[in-house]
C-alpha atoms as a PDB file:
ATOM      1  CA  MET A   1      67.654 114.244  71.551  1.00  0.00           C
ATOM      2  CA  LYS A   2      64.774 115.200  73.673  1.00  0.00           C
ATOM      3  CA  VAL A   3      61.371 115.587  72.344  1.00  0.00           C
ATOM      4  CA  LEU A   4      58.872 117.608  74.255  1.00  0.00           C
ATOM      5  CA  VAL A   5      55.050 117.368  73.954  1.00  0.00           C
ATOM      6  CA  ALA A   6      53.659 120.697  75.557  1.00  0.00           C
ATOM      7  CA  THR A   7      50.131 120.824  75.288  1.00  0.00           C
ATOM      8  CA  GLU A   8      47.881 123.007  77.727  1.00  0.00           C
ATOM      9  CA  LYS A   9      44.805 121.203  76.164  1.00  0.00           C
ATOM     10  CA  PRO A  10      46.278 117.494  76.211  1.00  0.00           C
ATOM     11  CA  PHE A  11      46.201 115.104  73.506  1.00  0.00           C
ATOM     12  CA  ALA A  12      44.095 111.908  73.929  1.00  0.00           C
ATOM     13  CA  LYS A  13      46.006 109.223  76.015  1.00  0.00           C
ATOM     14  CA  SER A  14      46.064 107.056  72.954  1.00  0.00           C
ATOM     15  CA  ALA A  15      47.687 109.866  70.994  1.00  0.00           C
ATOM     16  CA  VAL A  16      50.397 110.469  73.708  1.00  0.00           C
ATOM     17  CA  ASP A  17      51.009 106.695  73.820  1.00  0.00           C
ATOM     18  CA  GLY A  18      51.520 106.631  70.047  1.00  0.00           C
ATOM     19  CA  ILE A  19      53.760 109.661  69.927  1.00  0.00           C
ATOM     20  CA  LYS A  20      55.922 108.191  72.826  1.00  0.00           C
ATOM     21  CA  GLN A  21      56.186 104.929  70.785  1.00  0.00           C
ATOM     22  CA  ILE A  22      57.482 106.860  67.865  1.00  0.00           C
ATOM     23  CA  ILE A  23      59.853 109.027  69.940  1.00  0.00           C
ATOM     24  CA  ASP A  24      61.226 105.846  71.794  1.00  0.00           C
ATOM     25  CA  GLU A  25      61.871 103.751  68.671  1.00  0.00           C
ATOM     26  CA  ALA A  26      63.687 106.526  67.099  1.00  0.00           C
ATOM     27  CA  GLY A  27      66.100 106.412  70.072  1.00  0.00           C
ATOM     28  CA  PHE A  28      65.166 109.906  71.431  1.00  0.00           C
ATOM     29  CA  GLU A  29      64.190 110.886  74.824  1.00  0.00           C
ATOM     30  CA  PHE A  30      60.349 111.706  75.480  1.00  0.00           C
ATOM     31  CA  ALA A  31      58.963 114.459  77.696  1.00  0.00           C
ATOM     32  CA  LEU A  32      55.581 115.538  78.528  1.00  0.00           C
ATOM     33  CA  LEU A  33      54.178 118.581  79.893  1.00  0.00           C
ATOM     34  CA  GLU A  34      50.181 118.727  79.892  1.00  0.00           C
ATOM     35  CA  LYS A  35      47.613 121.061  81.422  1.00  0.00           C
ATOM     36  CA  TYR A  36      50.165 123.694  82.725  1.00  0.00           C
ATOM     37  CA  THR A  37      48.469 126.864  84.032  1.00  0.00           C
ATOM     38  CA  GLU A  38      51.660 129.246  83.875  1.00  0.00           C
ATOM     39  CA  LYS A  39      53.883 130.191  81.018  1.00  0.00           C
ATOM     40  CA  LYS A  40      56.873 129.642  83.470  1.00  0.00           C
ATOM     41  CA  GLN A  41      56.033 125.939  83.478  1.00  0.00           C
ATOM     42  CA  LEU A  42      56.396 126.020  79.671  1.00  0.00           C
ATOM     43  CA  LEU A  43      59.624 128.106  79.823  1.00  0.00           C
ATOM     44  CA  ASN A  44      61.321 125.584  82.365  1.00  0.00           C
ATOM     45  CA  ALA A  45      60.164 122.525  80.379  1.00  0.00           C
ATOM     46  CA  VAL A  46      61.639 123.862  77.155  1.00  0.00           C
ATOM     47  CA  ALA A  47      64.961 124.790  78.556  1.00  0.00           C
ATOM     48  CA  ASP A  48      66.859 121.274  77.334  1.00  0.00           C
ATOM     49  CA  ALA A  49      64.257 120.289  74.528  1.00  0.00           C
ATOM     50  CA  ASN A  50      65.724 119.852  70.970  1.00  0.00           C
ATOM     51  CA  ALA A  51      62.032 119.480  69.423  1.00  0.00           C
ATOM     52  CA  ILE A  52      58.658 120.556  70.685  1.00  0.00           C
ATOM     53  CA  ILE A  53      55.142 119.276  69.559  1.00  0.00           C
ATOM     54  CA  ILE A  54      52.438 121.600  70.455  1.00  0.00           C
ATOM     55  CA  ARG A  55      48.589 122.262  69.808  1.00  0.00           C
ATOM     56  CA  SER A  56      47.365 125.702  70.358  1.00  0.00           C
ATOM     57  CA  ASP A  57      50.089 126.573  72.732  1.00  0.00           C
ATOM     58  CA  ILE A  58      51.975 129.956  72.309  1.00  0.00           C
ATOM     59  CA  ILE A  59      55.552 129.820  71.048  1.00  0.00           C
ATOM     60  CA  ASP A  60      56.705 133.374  71.062  1.00  0.00           C
ATOM     61  CA  ALA A  61      60.185 134.927  71.340  1.00  0.00           C
ATOM     62  CA  GLU A  62      60.354 134.477  75.116  1.00  0.00           C
ATOM     63  CA  VAL A  63      59.838 130.742  74.661  1.00  0.00           C
ATOM     64  CA  LEU A  64      62.271 130.475  71.747  1.00  0.00           C
ATOM     65  CA  ALA A  65      64.767 132.237  73.823  1.00  0.00           C
ATOM     66  CA  ALA A  66      64.432 129.821  76.902  1.00  0.00           C
ATOM     67  CA  ALA A  67      64.805 126.855  74.609  1.00  0.00           C
ATOM     68  CA  LYS A  68      68.616 127.199  73.705  1.00  0.00           C
ATOM     69  CA  ASN A  69      68.888 123.678  72.272  1.00  0.00           C
ATOM     70  CA  LEU A  70      65.675 123.884  70.281  1.00  0.00           C
ATOM     71  CA  LYS A  71      65.940 122.775  66.587  1.00  0.00           C
ATOM     72  CA  ILE A  72      62.222 122.173  65.605  1.00  0.00           C
ATOM     73  CA  VAL A  73      58.528 123.062  66.526  1.00  0.00           C
ATOM     74  CA  VAL A  74      55.899 121.097  65.100  1.00  0.00           C
ATOM     75  CA  ARG A  75      52.249 122.467  65.384  1.00  0.00           C
ATOM     76  CA  ALA A  76      49.900 119.273  65.497  1.00  0.00           C
ATOM     77  CA  GLY A  77      47.424 120.868  63.060  1.00  0.00           C
ATOM     78  CA  ALA A  78      46.973 123.116  60.199  1.00  0.00           C
ATOM     79  CA  GLY A  79      47.032 126.537  61.634  1.00  0.00           C
ATOM     80  CA  TYR A  80      50.285 127.821  62.960  1.00  0.00           C
ATOM     81  CA  ASP A  81      49.504 131.537  63.916  1.00  0.00           C
ATOM     82  CA  ASN A  82      50.257 130.567  67.499  1.00  0.00           C
ATOM     83  CA  VAL A  83      54.043 130.486  66.751  1.00  0.00           C
ATOM     84  CA  ASP A  84      56.191 133.461  66.155  1.00  0.00           C
ATOM     85  CA  LEU A  85      57.600 132.466  62.769  1.00  0.00           C
ATOM     86  CA  ASP A  86      60.016 135.359  62.464  1.00  0.00           C
ATOM     87  CA  ALA A  87      61.578 134.722  66.133  1.00  0.00           C
ATOM     88  CA  ALA A  88      61.822 131.240  65.029  1.00  0.00           C
ATOM     89  CA  THR A  89      63.718 131.841  61.800  1.00  0.00           C
ATOM     90  CA  LYS A  90      66.008 134.403  63.785  1.00  0.00           C
ATOM     91  CA  ALA A  91      66.659 131.448  66.431  1.00  0.00           C
ATOM     92  CA  GLY A  92      67.467 128.901  63.646  1.00  0.00           C
ATOM     93  CA  VAL A  93      64.384 126.911  64.533  1.00  0.00           C
ATOM     94  CA  CYS A  94      62.314 125.021  61.945  1.00  0.00           C
ATOM     95  CA  VAL A  95      58.596 125.393  62.197  1.00  0.00           C
ATOM     96  CA  MET A  96      56.116 123.004  60.771  1.00  0.00           C
ATOM     97  CA  ASN A  97      52.542 122.107  60.821  1.00  0.00           C
ATOM     98  CA  THR A  98      50.732 118.894  59.961  1.00  0.00           C
ATOM     99  CA  PRO A  99      48.441 119.734  57.133  1.00  0.00           C
ATOM    100  CA  GLY A 100      45.690 117.618  56.261  1.00  0.00           C
ATOM    101  CA  GLN A 101      45.656 115.290  59.426  1.00  0.00           C
ATOM    102  CA  ASN A 102      42.478 117.117  60.819  1.00  0.00           C
ATOM    103  CA  ALA A 103      40.834 117.973  57.110  1.00  0.00           C
ATOM    104  CA  ASN A 104      38.074 115.334  57.519  1.00  0.00           C
ATOM    105  CA  ALA A 105      36.929 116.169  60.922  1.00  0.00           C
ATOM    106  CA  VAL A 106      36.627 120.081  59.754  1.00  0.00           C
ATOM    107  CA  ALA A 107      34.836 118.964  56.697  1.00  0.00           C
ATOM    108  CA  GLU A 108      32.501 116.873  58.599  1.00  0.00           C
ATOM    109  CA  LEU A 109      31.772 119.719  61.004  1.00  0.00           C
ATOM    110  CA  VAL A 110      31.106 122.054  58.109  1.00  0.00           C
ATOM    111  CA  LEU A 111      28.258 119.868  56.630  1.00  0.00           C
ATOM    112  CA  GLY A 112      26.788 119.154  60.043  1.00  0.00           C
ATOM    113  CA  LEU A 113      26.602 122.924  60.748  1.00  0.00           C
ATOM    114  CA  LEU A 114      25.096 123.456  57.334  1.00  0.00           C
ATOM    115  CA  VAL A 115      22.214 120.809  58.194  1.00  0.00           C
ATOM    116  CA  PHE A 116      21.593 122.392  61.406  1.00  0.00           C
ATOM    117  CA  THR A 117      21.354 125.680  59.769  1.00  0.00           C
ATOM    118  CA  VAL A 118      18.963 124.768  56.915  1.00  0.00           C
ATOM    119  CA  ARG A 119      16.802 122.936  59.382  1.00  0.00           C
ATOM    120  CA  ASN A 120      16.499 126.186  61.478  1.00  0.00           C
ATOM    121  CA  PHE A 121      18.687 125.067  64.356  1.00  0.00           C
ATOM    122  CA  TYR A 122      16.411 122.133  64.859  1.00  0.00           C
ATOM    123  CA  ASN A 123      13.682 124.239  66.375  1.00  0.00           C
ATOM    124  CA  GLY A 124      10.867 122.346  65.082  1.00  0.00           C
ATOM    125  CA  LYS A 125       9.948 124.553  62.159  1.00  0.00           C
ATOM    126  CA  SER A 126       9.985 123.596  58.582  1.00  0.00           C
ATOM    127  CA  GLY A 127      13.505 124.094  56.818  1.00  0.00           C
ATOM    128  CA  SER A 128      15.161 123.301  53.569  1.00  0.00           C
ATOM    129  CA  GLU A 129      17.483 120.875  52.072  1.00  0.00           C
ATOM    130  CA  LEU A 130      20.999 121.100  50.790  1.00  0.00           C
ATOM    131  CA  MET A 131      20.599 119.113  47.645  1.00  0.00           C
ATOM    132  CA  GLY A 132      20.760 121.361  44.568  1.00  0.00           C
ATOM    133  CA  LYS A 133      22.226 124.141  46.620  1.00  0.00           C
ATOM    134  CA  LYS A 134      25.311 125.975  45.379  1.00  0.00           C
ATOM    135  CA  LEU A 135      28.208 125.593  47.804  1.00  0.00           C
ATOM    136  CA  GLY A 136      31.305 127.927  47.219  1.00  0.00           C
ATOM    137  CA  LEU A 137      34.565 126.911  48.774  1.00  0.00           C
ATOM    138  CA  LEU A 138      37.027 129.871  49.242  1.00  0.00           C
ATOM    139  CA  ALA A 139      40.356 127.984  49.196  1.00  0.00           C
ATOM    140  CA  PHE A 140      40.714 124.300  47.975  1.00  0.00           C
ATOM    141  CA  GLY A 141      43.160 122.668  50.250  1.00  0.00           C
ATOM    142  CA  ASN A 142      42.991 119.645  52.137  1.00  0.00           C
ATOM    143  CA  VAL A 143      39.878 120.825  54.000  1.00  0.00           C
ATOM    144  CA  GLY A 144      38.206 122.246  51.040  1.00  0.00           C
ATOM    145  CA  ARG A 145      38.530 119.139  49.078  1.00  0.00           C
ATOM    146  CA  ASN A 146      36.987 116.951  51.831  1.00  0.00           C
ATOM    147  CA  VAL A 147      34.111 119.375  52.009  1.00  0.00           C
ATOM    148  CA  ALA A 148      33.665 119.041  48.494  1.00  0.00           C
ATOM    149  CA  ARG A 149      33.733 115.282  48.590  1.00  0.00           C
ATOM    150  CA  ILE A 150      31.079 115.188  51.324  1.00  0.00           C
ATOM    151  CA  ALA A 151      28.967 118.034  49.855  1.00  0.00           C
ATOM    152  CA  LYS A 152      28.718 116.098  46.589  1.00  0.00           C
ATOM    153  CA  GLY A 153      27.182 113.207  48.443  1.00  0.00           C
ATOM    154  CA  PHE A 154      24.452 115.640  49.545  1.00  0.00           C
ATOM    155  CA  GLY A 155      23.885 116.365  45.857  1.00  0.00           C
ATOM    156  CA  MET A 156      25.232 119.910  46.175  1.00  0.00           C
ATOM    157  CA  GLU A 157      26.604 121.879  43.239  1.00  0.00           C
ATOM    158  CA  VAL A 158      30.124 122.697  44.526  1.00  0.00           C
ATOM    159  CA  TYR A 159      32.376 125.632  43.363  1.00  0.00           C
ATOM    160  CA  ALA A 160      35.754 126.821  44.536  1.00  0.00           C
ATOM    161  CA  TYR A 161      38.260 129.764  44.069  1.00  0.00           C
ATOM    162  CA  ASP A 162      41.837 129.387  45.392  1.00  0.00           C
ATOM    163  CA  ALA A 163      44.274 131.915  44.305  1.00  0.00           C
ATOM    164  CA  PHE A 164      47.012 129.170  44.574  1.00  0.00           C
ATOM    165  CA  CYS A 165      45.321 126.297  43.076  1.00  0.00           C
ATOM    166  CA  PRO A 166      45.097 125.987  39.348  1.00  0.00           C
ATOM    167  CA  ALA A 167      41.423 125.810  37.935  1.00  0.00           C
ATOM    168  CA  THR A 168      42.570 122.511  36.139  1.00  0.00           C
ATOM    169  CA  ALA A 169      43.128 120.872  39.538  1.00  0.00           C
ATOM    170  CA  ILE A 170      39.783 122.223  41.014  1.00  0.00           C
ATOM    171  CA  GLU A 171      38.057 120.958  38.000  1.00  0.00           C
ATOM    172  CA  SER A 172      39.585 117.580  38.016  1.00  0.00           C
ATOM    173  CA  ALA A 173      38.099 116.895  41.365  1.00  0.00           C
ATOM    174  CA  GLY A 174      34.783 117.487  39.958  1.00  0.00           C
ATOM    175  CA  VAL A 175      34.330 120.899  41.226  1.00  0.00           C
ATOM    176  CA  LYS A 176      33.564 124.083  39.260  1.00  0.00           C
ATOM    177  CA  ALA A 177      36.269 126.667  39.248  1.00  0.00           C
ATOM    178  CA  VAL A 178      35.514 130.242  39.236  1.00  0.00           C
ATOM    179  CA  ALA A 179      37.755 133.222  38.208  1.00  0.00           C
ATOM    180  CA  ASN A 180      37.881 135.080  41.467  1.00  0.00           C
ATOM    181  CA  GLN A 181      36.490 135.507  44.992  1.00  0.00           C
ATOM    182  CA  ASN A 182      33.818 137.987  43.923  1.00  0.00           C
ATOM    183  CA  GLU A 183      32.398 135.566  41.454  1.00  0.00           C
ATOM    184  CA  LEU A 184      32.150 132.802  44.444  1.00  0.00           C
ATOM    185  CA  PHE A 185      30.296 134.978  46.428  1.00  0.00           C
ATOM    186  CA  LYS A 186      27.835 136.272  43.798  1.00  0.00           C
ATOM    187  CA  THR A 187      27.288 132.709  42.392  1.00  0.00           C
ATOM    188  CA  CYS A 188      26.733 130.447  45.628  1.00  0.00           C
ATOM    189  CA  ASP A 189      23.881 130.089  48.117  1.00  0.00           C
ATOM    190  CA  ILE A 190      26.429 129.082  50.755  1.00  0.00           C
ATOM    191  CA  VAL A 191      30.082 130.123  51.068  1.00  0.00           C
ATOM    192  CA  SER A 192      32.496 128.169  53.307  1.00  0.00           C
ATOM    193  CA  LEU A 193      35.797 129.731  54.190  1.00  0.00           C
ATOM    194  CA  HIS A 194      39.072 127.697  54.251  1.00  0.00           C
ATOM    195  CA  ILE A 195      41.710 130.553  53.904  1.00  0.00           C
ATOM    196  CA  PRO A 196      44.395 131.115  56.633  1.00  0.00           C
ATOM    197  CA  ALA A 197      44.874 134.348  58.390  1.00  0.00           C
ATOM    198  CA  THR A 198      47.589 136.362  56.360  1.00  0.00           C
ATOM    199  CA  ALA A 199      48.231 139.977  55.817  1.00  0.00           C
ATOM    200  CA  GLU A 200      46.148 139.625  52.613  1.00  0.00           C
ATOM    201  CA  THR A 201      43.195 137.872  54.028  1.00  0.00           C
ATOM    202  CA  LYS A 202      42.748 139.533  57.474  1.00  0.00           C
ATOM    203  CA  ASN A 203      39.372 141.279  57.285  1.00  0.00           C
ATOM    204  CA  SER A 204      38.849 140.348  53.735  1.00  0.00           C
ATOM    205  CA  ILE A 205      35.637 138.900  54.387  1.00  0.00           C
ATOM    206  CA  ASN A 206      33.750 142.163  54.834  1.00  0.00           C
ATOM    207  CA  TYR A 207      30.623 144.261  54.073  1.00  0.00           C
ATOM    208  CA  GLU A 208      31.183 144.496  50.478  1.00  0.00           C
ATOM    209  CA  MET A 209      32.453 140.906  49.731  1.00  0.00           C
ATOM    210  CA  VAL A 210      29.618 139.038  51.773  1.00  0.00           C
ATOM    211  CA  GLY A 211      27.029 141.733  50.611  1.00  0.00           C
ATOM    212  CA  GLN A 212      27.342 140.304  47.053  1.00  0.00           C
ATOM    213  CA  MET A 213      25.567 136.960  48.284  1.00  0.00           C
ATOM    214  CA  LYS A 214      22.185 136.173  46.889  1.00  0.00           C
ATOM    215  CA  LYS A 215      18.959 136.343  48.960  1.00  0.00           C
ATOM    216  CA  GLY A 216      19.147 133.747  51.877  1.00  0.00           C
ATOM    217  CA  GLY A 217      22.925 133.417  51.811  1.00  0.00           C
ATOM    218  CA  ILE A 218      24.808 131.509  54.401  1.00  0.00           C
ATOM    219  CA  LEU A 219      28.463 132.234  55.396  1.00  0.00           C
ATOM    220  CA  ILE A 220      30.096 129.458  57.339  1.00  0.00           C
ATOM    221  CA  ASN A 221      33.449 130.056  58.777  1.00  0.00           C
ATOM    222  CA  THR A 222      35.626 127.129  60.199  1.00  0.00           C
ATOM    223  CA  ALA A 223      39.023 128.750  59.163  1.00  0.00           C
ATOM    224  CA  ARG A 224      40.200 131.832  61.186  1.00  0.00           C
ATOM    225  CA  LYS A 225      38.570 134.667  63.189  1.00  0.00           C
ATOM    226  CA  GLU A 226      40.844 137.193  61.807  1.00  0.00           C
ATOM    227  CA  VAL A 227      39.627 136.997  58.377  1.00  0.00           C
ATOM    228  CA  ILE A 228      36.210 138.384  59.176  1.00  0.00           C
ATOM    229  CA  ASP A 229      35.605 141.968  59.267  1.00  0.00           C
ATOM    230  CA  GLU A 230      33.191 141.495  62.279  1.00  0.00           C
ATOM    231  CA  ALA A 231      32.129 145.443  62.194  1.00  0.00           C
ATOM    232  CA  GLY A 232      31.251 145.116  58.587  1.00  0.00           C
ATOM    233  CA  LEU A 233      29.475 141.912  58.839  1.00  0.00           C
ATOM    234  CA  LEU A 234      27.493 142.925  61.807  1.00  0.00           C
ATOM    235  CA  LYS A 235      26.298 146.091  59.703  1.00  0.00           C
ATOM    236  CA  LEU A 236      25.383 143.896  56.672  1.00  0.00           C
ATOM    237  CA  MET A 237      23.315 141.427  58.778  1.00  0.00           C
ATOM    238  CA  ALA A 238      21.639 144.317  60.568  1.00  0.00           C
ATOM    239  CA  GLU A 239      20.484 145.600  56.915  1.00  0.00           C
ATOM    240  CA  ARG A 240      19.712 142.084  55.327  1.00  0.00           C
ATOM    241  CA  GLU A 241      17.447 139.913  57.497  1.00  0.00           C
ATOM    242  CA  ASP A 242      18.082 137.065  54.895  1.00  0.00           C
ATOM    243  CA  LEU A 243      21.703 136.435  55.785  1.00  0.00           C
ATOM    244  CA  LYS A 244      23.133 133.773  58.078  1.00  0.00           C
ATOM    245  CA  TYR A 245      26.405 133.273  59.738  1.00  0.00           C
ATOM    246  CA  ILE A 246      27.647 130.215  61.043  1.00  0.00           C
ATOM    247  CA  THR A 247      31.016 129.572  62.703  1.00  0.00           C
ATOM    248  CA  ASP A 248      33.060 127.394  65.163  1.00  0.00           C
ATOM    249  CA  ILE A 249      35.158 130.481  66.324  1.00  0.00           C
ATOM    250  CA  MET A 250      33.234 132.586  68.536  1.00  0.00           C
ATOM    251  CA  PRO A 251      33.631 136.116  67.432  1.00  0.00           C
ATOM    252  CA  ALA A 252      34.898 139.015  69.800  1.00  0.00           C
ATOM    253  CA  ALA A 253      31.417 140.644  69.243  1.00  0.00           C
ATOM    254  CA  ASN A 254      29.569 137.462  70.029  1.00  0.00           C
ATOM    255  CA  ASP A 255      26.936 139.402  71.904  1.00  0.00           C
ATOM    256  CA  ASP A 256      26.335 141.681  69.031  1.00  0.00           C
ATOM    257  CA  PHE A 257      26.107 138.634  66.591  1.00  0.00           C
ATOM    258  CA  ALA A 258      23.932 136.834  69.173  1.00  0.00           C
ATOM    259  CA  LYS A 259      21.058 139.567  68.561  1.00  0.00           C
ATOM    260  CA  PHE A 260      20.195 137.956  65.260  1.00  0.00           C
ATOM    261  CA  GLU A 261      18.227 135.057  66.543  1.00  0.00           C
ATOM    262  CA  GLY A 262      17.800 132.303  64.072  1.00  0.00           C
ATOM    263  CA  ARG A 263      20.482 133.724  61.738  1.00  0.00           C
ATOM    264  CA  TYR A 264      23.592 133.169  63.716  1.00  0.00           C
ATOM    265  CA  PHE A 265      25.212 130.440  65.564  1.00  0.00           C
ATOM    266  CA  SER A 266      28.672 129.904  67.071  1.00  0.00           C
ATOM    267  CA  THR A 267      30.120 126.705  68.886  1.00  0.00           C
ATOM    268  CA  PRO A 268      31.436 127.687  72.361  1.00  0.00           C
ATOM    269  CA  LYS A 269      35.041 127.016  71.220  1.00  0.00           C
ATOM    270  CA  LYS A 270      36.724 126.008  67.977  1.00  0.00           C
ATOM    271  CA  MET A 271      35.746 122.462  67.224  1.00  0.00           C
ATOM    272  CA  GLY A 272      37.008 121.679  63.792  1.00  0.00           C
ATOM    273  CA  ALA A 273      39.735 119.427  64.798  1.00  0.00           C
ATOM    274  CA  GLN A 274      37.913 118.143  67.956  1.00  0.00           C
ATOM    275  CA  THR A 275      37.645 114.484  67.104  1.00  0.00           C
ATOM    276  CA  ALA A 276      39.612 111.534  68.546  1.00  0.00           C
ATOM    277  CA  GLU A 277      40.894 110.744  65.145  1.00  0.00           C
ATOM    278  CA  ALA A 278      42.075 114.004  64.177  1.00  0.00           C
ATOM    279  CA  ASN A 279      43.689 114.553  67.614  1.00  0.00           C
ATOM    280  CA  THR A 280      45.600 111.180  67.152  1.00  0.00           C
ATOM    281  CA  ASN A 281      46.393 111.743  63.490  1.00  0.00           C
ATOM    282  CA  ALA A 282      47.954 114.963  64.062  1.00  0.00           C
ATOM    283  CA  GLY A 283      49.983 114.012  67.122  1.00  0.00           C
ATOM    284  CA  LEU A 284      51.601 110.976  65.377  1.00  0.00           C
ATOM    285  CA  ALA A 285      52.208 112.977  62.348  1.00  0.00           C
ATOM    286  CA  ALA A 286      54.015 115.627  64.249  1.00  0.00           C
ATOM    287  CA  ALA A 287      56.200 112.958  65.987  1.00  0.00           C
ATOM    288  CA  ARG A 288      57.040 111.269  62.625  1.00  0.00           C
ATOM    289  CA  GLN A 289      57.977 114.713  60.989  1.00  0.00           C
ATOM    290  CA  ILE A 290      60.354 115.466  63.939  1.00  0.00           C
ATOM    291  CA  VAL A 291      62.082 112.027  63.492  1.00  0.00           C
ATOM    292  CA  ASP A 292      62.361 112.479  59.838  1.00  0.00           C
ATOM    293  CA  PHE A 293      63.711 116.010  60.301  1.00  0.00           C
ATOM    294  CA  ILE A 294      66.451 115.118  62.887  1.00  0.00           C
ATOM    295  CA  LYS A 295      67.398 111.692  61.302  1.00  0.00           C
ATOM    296  CA  ASN A 296      67.127 112.955  57.458  1.00  0.00           C
ATOM    297  CA  GLY A 297      66.764 116.696  57.388  1.00  0.00           C
ATOM    298  CA  ASN A 298      63.363 116.437  55.782  1.00  0.00           C
ATOM    299  CA  GLU A 299      61.792 119.982  55.669  1.00  0.00           C
ATOM    300  CA  LYS A 300      58.855 119.140  53.484  1.00  0.00           C
ATOM    301  CA  PHE A 301      56.115 120.882  55.912  1.00  0.00           C
ATOM    302  CA  ARG A 302      58.355 123.798  57.077  1.00  0.00           C
ATOM    303  CA  VAL A 303      56.141 127.083  57.212  1.00  0.00           C
ATOM    304  CA  ASN A 304      59.032 129.605  58.192  1.00  0.00           C
ATOM    305  CA  LYS A 305      61.913 130.686  56.022  1.00  0.00           C
END
C-alpha cells in the first residue's frame, strides 16, 4: 500500500517526518513529491499510489485517470475545492478533508487582522477598540467557534448564523444566534465570513447583503474568494466611504480595491492556515485518516458521495 505526499508547497520537515512515521508504523510504503513545477511530475508520481495527501494541489480528472490504483485522497485542510469530487466519485476514490486542524490558526488571524484594522493599519493615527463591538460570524463551524472563543476574550458581543447549525448549539457556546443572514449583517459592526464556496454561497456576499451593515462596518473574509461578488462590493465601497473590507485572499480586482486606501487590506497570499502548528496538525491528521480508512474502512471525513 503506497501513500504519496504530493505538495507543490511543502509541509514543514517536522510534519513530513511525522507523516512518514505514521505511514511506516502502519506497514505502508511512503513516497514524497515536493516543490514540483510541472503537472507531468504529479501524473508520474500518482501512477502507482494507493493514497495521496495534498495541500492546495489540484486533483482533477486527468490526475485521477493517471492514478489507476488510487483509493483515497486527503486534503490536509478544511477546503477541498481543489479536488474534482465528481470525477473522484466516478473513479471510486474517497476524498476527505481534515476539518478543525487549522481552525485556531485561522481564528487568530481573524482577530489579528481586526486589531490591525481598527487601529488604522498602525499608521500612527488614533483608532478604536474591539471591546463592546458586535461581531457576526457567518457559519459556526470549527473556525467560527474558535473566533467566538477569542473574540469573547476581547470583550466583544458575538452573534452567529449558520443554516446547518441549530440555534441551541450556538447559544450553548455563549454566542447569540440570529434568525437569518440578513439579520446578522444588519445587527453587527463586523461580519466575519466562514462559509464554504458552494453553488448557494458563491457571489452571495454582494452589494445588497453587505449594504445592510451599519455605518463603519467591517467585512472580513478568511473563507473563500468565490463567496464575494467583487463587482458589487466595489460599487458599494465607492458609494459608502465608511465601509472596510479585510481579507487574506487577494481579490481578482485587487488593484481596484487597493484604491480604497485605509479601507481595504489583503495579505499577499492566503494565510489562515500558515502556521507551523496548523501545517503539522493537518498533515498528521491526513495520515491517520488514510491509515484508518485503509485498515478499518472509516469514512468519517469523506466529502464526496
